[in-house]
C-alpha atoms as a PDB file:
ATOM      1  CA  UNK A   1    -255.501 -83.540  53.566  1.00  0.00           C
ATOM      2  CA  UNK A   2    -253.946 -80.436  52.069  1.00  0.00           C
ATOM      3  CA  UNK A   3    -254.801 -78.762  48.808  1.00  0.00           C
ATOM      4  CA  UNK A   4    -252.279 -78.922  45.998  1.00  0.00           C
ATOM      5  CA  UNK A   5    -254.282 -77.135  43.305  1.00  0.00           C
ATOM      6  CA  UNK A   6    -257.459 -75.175  43.888  1.00  0.00           C
ATOM      7  CA  UNK A   7    -258.291 -71.522  43.345  1.00  0.00           C
ATOM      8  CA  UNK A   8    -260.084 -71.328  46.676  1.00  0.00           C
ATOM      9  CA  UNK A   9    -259.034 -71.880  50.259  1.00  0.00           C
ATOM     10  CA  UNK A  10    -260.863 -75.159  50.816  1.00  0.00           C
ATOM     11  CA  UNK A  11    -258.364 -77.516  52.369  1.00  0.00           C
ATOM     12  CA  UNK A  12    -260.198 -80.842  52.287  1.00  0.00           C
ATOM     13  CA  UNK A  13    -262.556 -82.801  50.111  1.00  0.00           C
ATOM     14  CA  UNK A  14    -265.093 -82.763  52.950  1.00  0.00           C
ATOM     15  CA  UNK A  15    -265.142 -78.932  52.821  1.00  0.00           C
ATOM     16  CA  UNK A  16    -265.799 -79.011  49.071  1.00  0.00           C
ATOM     17  CA  UNK A  17    -268.517 -81.658  49.518  1.00  0.00           C
ATOM     18  CA  UNK A  18    -270.155 -79.581  52.262  1.00  0.00           C
ATOM     19  CA  UNK A  19    -270.167 -76.526  49.972  1.00  0.00           C
ATOM     20  CA  UNK A  20    -271.734 -78.610  47.207  1.00  0.00           C
ATOM     21  CA  UNK A  21    -274.360 -79.906  49.660  1.00  0.00           C
ATOM     22  CA  UNK A  22    -275.343 -76.360  50.661  1.00  0.00           C
ATOM     23  CA  UNK A  23    -275.753 -75.456  46.993  1.00  0.00           C
ATOM     24  CA  UNK A  24    -277.755 -78.646  46.328  1.00  0.00           C
ATOM     25  CA  UNK A  25    -275.094 -79.869  43.895  1.00  0.00           C
ATOM     26  CA  UNK A  26    -274.097 -82.908  45.921  1.00  0.00           C
ATOM     27  CA  UNK A  27    -275.282 -85.604  43.516  1.00  0.00           C
ATOM     28  CA  UNK A  28    -272.667 -88.331  43.616  1.00  0.00           C
ATOM     29  CA  UNK A  29    -271.909 -89.623  40.146  1.00  0.00           C
ATOM     30  CA  UNK A  30    -270.874 -93.258  40.465  1.00  0.00           C
ATOM     31  CA  UNK A  31    -269.081 -95.065  37.689  1.00  0.00           C
ATOM     32  CA  UNK A  32    -270.506 -98.325  36.385  1.00  0.00           C
ATOM     33  CA  UNK A  33    -269.749-100.269  33.221  1.00  0.00           C
ATOM     34  CA  UNK A  34    -272.805 -98.481  31.727  1.00  0.00           C
ATOM     35  CA  UNK A  35    -271.468 -94.972  32.495  1.00  0.00           C
ATOM     36  CA  UNK A  36    -271.911 -92.531  35.375  1.00  0.00           C
ATOM     37  CA  UNK A  37    -275.139 -92.766  37.322  1.00  0.00           C
ATOM     38  CA  UNK A  38    -276.582 -90.501  39.998  1.00  0.00           C
ATOM     39  CA  UNK A  39    -279.008 -93.203  41.157  1.00  0.00           C
ATOM     40  CA  UNK A  40    -281.963 -91.761  39.258  1.00  0.00           C
ATOM     41  CA  UNK A  41    -282.302 -94.480  36.644  1.00  0.00           C
ATOM     42  CA  UNK A  42    -280.205 -92.661  34.047  1.00  0.00           C
ATOM     43  CA  UNK A  43    -276.675 -93.456  32.933  1.00  0.00           C
ATOM     44  CA  UNK A  44    -274.551 -90.666  31.492  1.00  0.00           C
ATOM     45  CA  UNK A  45    -271.935 -91.106  28.794  1.00  0.00           C
ATOM     46  CA  UNK A  46    -268.847 -88.846  28.500  1.00  0.00           C
ATOM     47  CA  UNK A  47    -270.392 -86.783  25.683  1.00  0.00           C
ATOM     48  CA  UNK A  48    -273.331 -85.930  27.993  1.00  0.00           C
ATOM     49  CA  UNK A  49    -271.035 -84.541  30.701  1.00  0.00           C
ATOM     50  CA  UNK A  50    -268.447 -81.841  31.270  1.00  0.00           C
ATOM     51  CA  UNK A  51    -265.988 -81.361  34.101  1.00  0.00           C
ATOM     52  CA  UNK A  52    -266.500 -77.802  35.342  1.00  0.00           C
ATOM     53  CA  UNK A  53    -264.048 -77.820  38.249  1.00  0.00           C
ATOM     54  CA  UNK A  54    -261.319 -80.072  39.602  1.00  0.00           C
ATOM     55  CA  UNK A  55    -259.902 -80.157  43.128  1.00  0.00           C
ATOM     56  CA  UNK A  56    -256.753 -82.144  43.944  1.00  0.00           C
ATOM     57  CA  UNK A  57    -255.805 -83.184  47.461  1.00  0.00           C
ATOM     58  CA  UNK A  58    -252.754 -84.978  48.881  1.00  0.00           C
ATOM     59  CA  UNK A  59    -252.393 -86.535  52.314  1.00  0.00           C
ATOM     60  CA  UNK A  60    -250.177 -84.601  54.708  1.00  0.00           C
ATOM     61  CA  UNK A  61    -249.121 -87.661  56.688  1.00  0.00           C
ATOM     62  CA  UNK A  62    -249.105 -90.073  53.727  1.00  0.00           C
ATOM     63  CA  UNK A  63    -248.187 -88.535  50.364  1.00  0.00           C
ATOM     64  CA  UNK A  64    -249.152 -91.773  48.601  1.00  0.00           C
ATOM     65  CA  UNK A  65    -252.794 -91.072  49.476  1.00  0.00           C
ATOM     66  CA  UNK A  66    -254.267 -88.628  47.018  1.00  0.00           C
ATOM     67  CA  UNK A  67    -257.710 -87.818  45.680  1.00  0.00           C
ATOM     68  CA  UNK A  68    -259.317 -85.760  42.961  1.00  0.00           C
ATOM     69  CA  UNK A  69    -262.811 -84.365  43.235  1.00  0.00           C
ATOM     70  CA  UNK A  70    -264.413 -83.599  39.884  1.00  0.00           C
ATOM     71  CA  UNK A  71    -267.437 -81.277  39.792  1.00  0.00           C
ATOM     72  CA  UNK A  72    -269.426 -82.403  36.748  1.00  0.00           C
ATOM     73  CA  UNK A  73    -272.393 -80.947  34.873  1.00  0.00           C
ATOM     74  CA  UNK A  74    -274.669 -83.195  32.806  1.00  0.00           C
ATOM     75  CA  UNK A  75    -276.406 -82.025  29.649  1.00  0.00           C
ATOM     76  CA  UNK A  76    -279.777 -82.253  31.472  1.00  0.00           C
ATOM     77  CA  UNK A  77    -278.652 -79.696  34.097  1.00  0.00           C
ATOM     78  CA  UNK A  78    -277.705 -82.103  36.875  1.00  0.00           C
ATOM     79  CA  UNK A  79    -274.572 -80.984  38.733  1.00  0.00           C
ATOM     80  CA  UNK A  80    -272.724 -83.464  40.859  1.00  0.00           C
ATOM     81  CA  UNK A  81    -269.321 -84.820  41.682  1.00  0.00           C
ATOM     82  CA  UNK A  82    -267.081 -87.825  41.360  1.00  0.00           C
ATOM     83  CA  UNK A  83    -264.422 -88.436  43.974  1.00  0.00           C
ATOM     84  CA  UNK A  84    -261.422 -90.453  42.864  1.00  0.00           C
ATOM     85  CA  UNK A  85    -259.044 -91.633  45.579  1.00  0.00           C
ATOM     86  CA  UNK A  86    -255.958 -92.997  43.904  1.00  0.00           C
ATOM     87  CA  UNK A  87    -252.660 -94.506  44.845  1.00  0.00           C
ATOM     88  CA  UNK A  88    -252.785 -97.110  47.596  1.00  0.00           C
ATOM     89  CA  UNK A  89    -256.336 -96.038  48.481  1.00  0.00           C
ATOM     90  CA  UNK A  90    -258.013 -96.497  45.065  1.00  0.00           C
ATOM     91  CA  UNK A  91    -261.780 -96.183  45.372  1.00  0.00           C
ATOM     92  CA  UNK A  92    -262.870 -97.980  42.189  1.00  0.00           C
ATOM     93  CA  UNK A  93    -263.029-101.728  41.643  1.00  0.00           C
ATOM     94  CA  UNK A  94    -262.064-101.338  37.989  1.00  0.00           C
ATOM     95  CA  UNK A  95    -259.728 -98.335  38.204  1.00  0.00           C
ATOM     96  CA  UNK A  96    -258.676 -98.642  34.553  1.00  0.00           C
ATOM     97  CA  UNK A  97    -262.303 -98.445  33.380  1.00  0.00           C
ATOM     98  CA  UNK A  98    -262.974 -95.386  35.545  1.00  0.00           C
ATOM     99  CA  UNK A  99    -259.776 -93.662  34.396  1.00  0.00           C
ATOM    100  CA  UNK A 100    -260.585 -94.254  30.740  1.00  0.00           C
ATOM    101  CA  UNK A 101    -264.152 -92.964  31.236  1.00  0.00           C
ATOM    102  CA  UNK A 102    -263.186 -89.785  33.126  1.00  0.00           C
ATOM    103  CA  UNK A 103    -260.539 -88.926  30.504  1.00  0.00           C
ATOM    104  CA  UNK A 104    -263.237 -88.876  27.827  1.00  0.00           C
ATOM    105  CA  UNK A 105    -265.314 -86.223  29.611  1.00  0.00           C
ATOM    106  CA  UNK A 106    -264.574 -82.752  28.199  1.00  0.00           C
ATOM    107  CA  UNK A 107    -263.227 -80.075  30.533  1.00  0.00           C
ATOM    108  CA  UNK A 108    -264.548 -76.518  30.238  1.00  0.00           C
ATOM    109  CA  UNK A 109    -261.155 -74.843  30.521  1.00  0.00           C
ATOM    110  CA  UNK A 110    -261.455 -74.194  34.247  1.00  0.00           C
ATOM    111  CA  UNK A 111    -257.675 -73.954  34.542  1.00  0.00           C
ATOM    112  CA  UNK A 112    -257.604 -70.849  32.338  1.00  0.00           C
ATOM    113  CA  UNK A 113    -260.470 -68.982  33.966  1.00  0.00           C
ATOM    114  CA  UNK A 114    -262.966 -69.342  36.769  1.00  0.00           C
ATOM    115  CA  UNK A 115    -266.135 -70.459  34.973  1.00  0.00           C
ATOM    116  CA  UNK A 116    -267.817 -71.938  38.011  1.00  0.00           C
ATOM    117  CA  UNK A 117    -267.693 -70.633  41.549  1.00  0.00           C
ATOM    118  CA  UNK A 118    -268.536 -72.721  44.593  1.00  0.00           C
END
């Protein structure tokens, strides 16, 4: 996987996930019909979350395989991620529901300035 847009030199989603693990920010936020959950008995709605960083990756050998890793902060301080493989390798059973949910989460303006450093 090669990076198409990221301010740092991490070249794969596994490198980003490893960095998050070292910083204890590796809570996977999974989408359900009730919102995002980190497996702690709480469901988060879009207005309780903000995307603080986005990494995009495209497959070198198969350009149709792409993924986006969203680093997300919840209003209770939890920081985690959601990994969205799209194209032929979609990772969500109800991709339309996930897409609609993620679009509702506000972004902090990370494209204009570096507000969060891994």
